[in-house]
Amino acid sequence: MDNETFRQTYRAINERFCAYEKSILTNNCECSQAHRFCIAEREGVHCRSDPAQARCLELLDTLRRQARFALKSTDDRSALPHAKAMRIQVGGLRGLHAALAPDEPVPAKIDDVNGLIEAAIARFGDLASLPFQPIIQQIAAYKGRRLRRLK
């Protein structure tokens, strides 16, 4: 299946995409609202809930605006390269966990994205009121997979 056919089929099948698809597919997190599916030999993630998807998109947008300096990015409109998108997604979730439980170690894998975001909203009131310092620290600290050099 060529890339354009895949994209068209993906959009037709997955009307409510998961905002954290990259993080879920790389096993950095799970979500109670996520449903994995396959098209040809590729995998995708669907969100089961409109409100959950809206919260995730709002969080990612907020994190992207707050982390512009840490990402060395000034353009908040264009798509982020994969590595920076992963820093926002994984580092942002780890930072959110750190903000909610400062005395606990930050987990390598987030168990439930939706549950974590709901807990943050319950604790801080809304996503705009999050304590961004520990979140941005985790975004800046996140290191994705390193490329292996062939010898």
Protein backbone atom coordinates (compact mmCIF):
# COMPACT_ATOMS: atom_id res chain seq x y z
CA MET A 1 0.00 0.00 0.00
CA ASP A 2 1.51 3.34 -1.01
CA ASN A 3 1.63 6.23 1.46
CA GLU A 4 -1.15 8.30 -0.12
CA THR A 5 -3.55 5.35 -0.20
CA PHE A 6 -2.64 4.60 3.42
CA ARG A 7 -3.32 8.21 4.49
CA GLN A 8 -6.70 8.26 2.75
CA THR A 9 -7.72 4.94 4.26
CA TYR A 10 -6.42 6.00 7.69
CA ARG A 11 -8.51 9.21 7.64
CA ALA A 12 -11.61 7.34 6.48
CA ILE A 13 -11.29 4.68 9.18
CA ASN A 14 -10.00 6.84 12.02
CA GLU A 15 -12.19 9.93 12.24
CA ARG A 16 -11.32 10.45 15.94
CA PHE A 17 -7.53 10.00 15.95
CA CYS A 18 -5.58 9.65 19.17
CA ALA A 19 -3.51 12.75 19.92
CA TYR A 20 -0.95 10.55 21.72
CA GLU A 21 -0.73 7.95 18.95
CA LYS A 22 3.05 8.26 18.56
CA SER A 23 3.62 7.76 22.28
CA ILE A 24 1.25 4.81 22.47
CA LEU A 25 2.73 3.10 19.41
CA THR A 26 6.25 3.47 20.85
CA ASN A 27 5.07 1.97 24.18
CA ASN A 28 5.78 5.13 26.18
CA CYS A 29 2.20 5.28 27.41
CA GLU A 30 -1.22 3.65 27.38
CA CYS A 31 -4.68 5.16 27.58
CA SER A 32 -8.04 3.85 28.73
CA GLN A 33 -9.67 5.61 25.75
CA ALA A 34 -7.25 4.28 23.10
CA HIS A 35 -8.09 1.52 20.66
CA ARG A 36 -5.37 0.10 18.39
CA PHE A 37 -6.21 -0.97 14.84
CA CYS A 38 -4.32 -2.18 11.79
CA ILE A 39 -4.42 -1.10 8.17
CA ALA A 40 -2.39 -3.39 5.95
CA GLU A 41 0.74 -3.94 8.05
CA ARG A 42 0.61 -0.59 9.83
CA GLU A 43 -0.87 0.22 13.19
CA GLY A 44 -2.94 3.22 14.26
CA VAL A 45 -4.73 4.40 17.39
CA HIS A 46 -8.34 5.59 17.65
CA CYS A 47 -9.76 7.61 20.56
CA ARG A 48 -13.04 6.29 21.95
CA SER A 49 -14.19 9.63 23.38
CA ASP A 50 -14.75 13.08 21.90
CA PRO A 51 -14.24 14.85 25.27
CA ALA A 52 -11.04 12.87 25.96
CA GLN A 53 -9.66 13.70 22.52
CA ALA A 54 -10.49 17.39 23.03
CA ARG A 55 -8.66 17.42 26.41
CA CYS A 56 -5.61 15.72 24.90
CA LEU A 57 -5.47 18.14 21.98
CA GLU A 58 -5.85 21.09 24.35
CA LEU A 59 -3.04 19.77 26.56
CA LEU A 60 -0.70 19.23 23.61
CA ASP A 61 -1.43 22.71 22.28
CA THR A 62 -0.82 24.25 25.72
CA LEU A 63 2.40 22.29 26.21
CA ARG A 64 3.66 23.25 22.78
CA ARG A 65 3.12 26.95 23.49
CA GLN A 66 4.72 26.70 26.94
CA ALA A 67 7.71 24.66 25.73
CA ARG A 68 8.74 26.78 22.74
CA PHE A 69 11.99 27.81 24.42
CA ALA A 70 12.85 24.26 25.54
CA LEU A 71 12.17 22.99 22.00
CA LYS A 72 14.08 25.87 20.39
CA SER A 73 11.02 26.54 18.26
CA THR A 74 9.33 29.81 17.41
CA ASP A 75 6.73 28.57 14.92
CA ASP A 76 3.76 27.11 16.75
CA ARG A 77 1.70 26.51 13.61
CA SER A 78 3.71 24.02 11.57
CA ALA A 79 3.91 20.33 12.33
CA LEU A 80 6.70 19.37 14.69
CA PRO A 81 9.40 16.92 13.65
CA HIS A 82 8.92 13.47 15.19
CA ALA A 83 11.58 13.90 17.90
CA LYS A 84 10.10 17.20 19.13
CA ALA A 85 6.56 15.81 19.01
CA MET A 86 7.74 12.91 21.18
CA ARG A 87 9.37 15.32 23.63
CA ILE A 88 6.10 17.21 23.98
CA GLN A 89 4.01 14.05 24.30
CA VAL A 90 6.17 11.83 26.51
CA GLY A 91 8.02 14.55 28.39
CA GLY A 92 4.78 16.46 28.89
CA LEU A 93 3.00 13.43 30.37
CA ARG A 94 5.96 12.64 32.60
CA GLY A 95 6.02 16.27 33.73
CA LEU A 96 2.30 16.18 34.42
CA HIS A 97 2.88 13.11 36.59
CA ALA A 98 5.72 14.93 38.36
CA ALA A 99 3.43 17.92 39.01
CA LEU A 100 0.72 15.67 40.45
CA ALA A 101 3.04 13.48 42.53
CA PRO A 102 6.26 15.41 43.23
CA ASP A 103 7.44 12.90 45.85
CA GLU A 104 7.16 9.90 43.53
CA PRO A 105 9.67 8.92 40.87
CA VAL A 106 8.65 9.81 37.32
CA PRO A 107 7.58 6.63 35.54
CA ALA A 108 9.19 5.57 32.29
CA LYS A 109 5.74 4.59 30.98
CA ILE A 110 2.49 6.43 31.68
CA ASP A 111 -0.30 3.93 32.40
CA ASP A 112 -3.34 6.02 31.45
CA VAL A 113 -3.13 9.31 29.56
CA ASN A 114 -6.82 10.09 30.02
CA GLY A 115 -6.73 9.33 33.75
CA LEU A 116 -3.64 11.49 34.23
CA ILE A 117 -5.21 14.45 32.42
CA GLU A 118 -8.47 14.08 34.36
CA ALA A 119 -6.52 13.99 37.64
CA ALA A 120 -4.63 17.16 36.63
CA ILE A 121 -7.87 18.98 35.81
CA ALA A 122 -9.41 17.85 39.11
CA ARG A 123 -6.37 19.09 41.03
CA PHE A 124 -5.47 22.31 39.20
CA GLY A 125 -8.89 23.35 37.85
CA ASP A 126 -8.03 23.46 34.16
CA LEU A 127 -5.12 22.86 31.81
CA ALA A 128 -4.16 26.53 31.64
CA SER A 129 -3.52 26.50 35.41
CA LEU A 130 -0.99 23.67 35.41
CA PRO A 131 2.35 24.25 37.17
CA PHE A 132 4.47 24.36 34.04
CA GLN A 133 7.95 24.41 35.62
CA PRO A 134 8.12 20.65 36.43
CA ILE A 135 6.39 19.84 33.14
CA ILE A 136 8.85 21.84 31.03
CA GLN A 137 11.75 20.29 32.96
CA GLN A 138 10.57 16.82 31.90
CA ILE A 139 10.04 17.95 28.30
CA ALA A 140 13.59 19.34 28.21
CA ALA A 141 14.99 16.21 29.87
CA TYR A 142 13.25 13.67 27.61
CA LYS A 143 15.61 11.86 25.30
CA GLY A 144 14.10 9.61 22.68
CA ARG A 145 15.74 6.59 21.16
CA ARG A 146 19.30 7.16 20.13
CA LEU A 147 20.34 6.18 16.64
CA ARG A 148 22.70 3.25 16.63
CA ARG A 149 25.79 3.65 14.53
CA LEU A 150 26.83 0.77 12.41
CA LYS A 151 30.43 -0.27 12.82
